[in-house]
């Protein structure tokens, strides 16, 4: 099924129209990229052919995490390592539990795992997030109050170093100091956060706390994976061209710039003259930019604009087997289709066919 200019169209006709538009484009964007690894690889290949840009719909958090890690370094832990070995888990803000409501159950399984270092009982610390109902048997401490999340992180960072600070809320000060003392006594403390929720100064403070703790004990971070297979697409981009998303293929060599090649900015300034928007995963939809026509590859119901070319595609891991980033293994794994459906083309098949049509037009 396909639509072009708001009217029902044959898929072949929509593909021809898409190839015509992209063949004329000076600087197209391949955005959204809520797709599997095969779809991401096909998008990268077509972007390279056309001298375009690749950018993921969750790039804001991805780029923030990459930039901070590049500037200061980090000490990440795998999901399984945190689940089995950490004795203190600090969940920062609402982002982690919003992204994965079952996160606490996964990190604090009922059955004992591998032997943990130290003699502490496992403890969950909720820093700045809403009160969350924790599973039975999980020892949890909530540190919040009226203070904003950046302030809470800053206070904990100061207390961890046993620095001085003046706060009128004495109950909050006591909670912060108790938490800092717990972290100093921990055999393996882990800070869990969503980089899309934390601004860079807050992220720097979290990483600085880890660097302080590892002088005397073990500590690490667990950054929540980006929605829409963002980590998988980012890895695919990196092993394909040596650079993460928000990379341009317009020059002689690929060039990455997290600010210059952001989708919203390129569309707002008019630097980009075509948009391919890919939304082919179940669950959370790719947050598409408003006010611009696009070639849309979607596995979900979408409201087409007048200038859109919409091609219905298969849902990765829903309609077909798909390679995706899997947080529990901190890597790429194959996910079997929930219910195989061969009637719809995959993102990779559609983009490959568009590339062939572009080549045919150029040859003619």
Foldseek 3Di string as FASTA:
>chain_A
DWDALRHDDDPVVLLLVVLVVLLPWQEEEEEQLLAFLLLLLLVVVVLLVSFYAYYHLQVVLVVLVVVLCVVPNFFADALVCQLQEWQEEEEAEDVVCVVPVCSLCSSDPPDHDDDYPDDHHRAYEYEAYDDDDHDPPHHYHYQHPPDHRLVRLVLLLCLLVPHDDDDPPVVNNVSSNVVSVCLLPTQEYEYEYESSVDGNVSVNSVRVSQVVNVVPHHYHYHYDDTPSLQVNSQVSVCVVQVGGGCWTSNDPHIDHDSPPSDPVVCVVVVVTDAYEHEFAAPDDTRPDDPDDEYAYEHCDDDDHDSRYIYAYAHHDLAQAWGWGQDRNVRGTDIHGHPHHDPPGHHSSVSSVVSSVSSVVVVVD
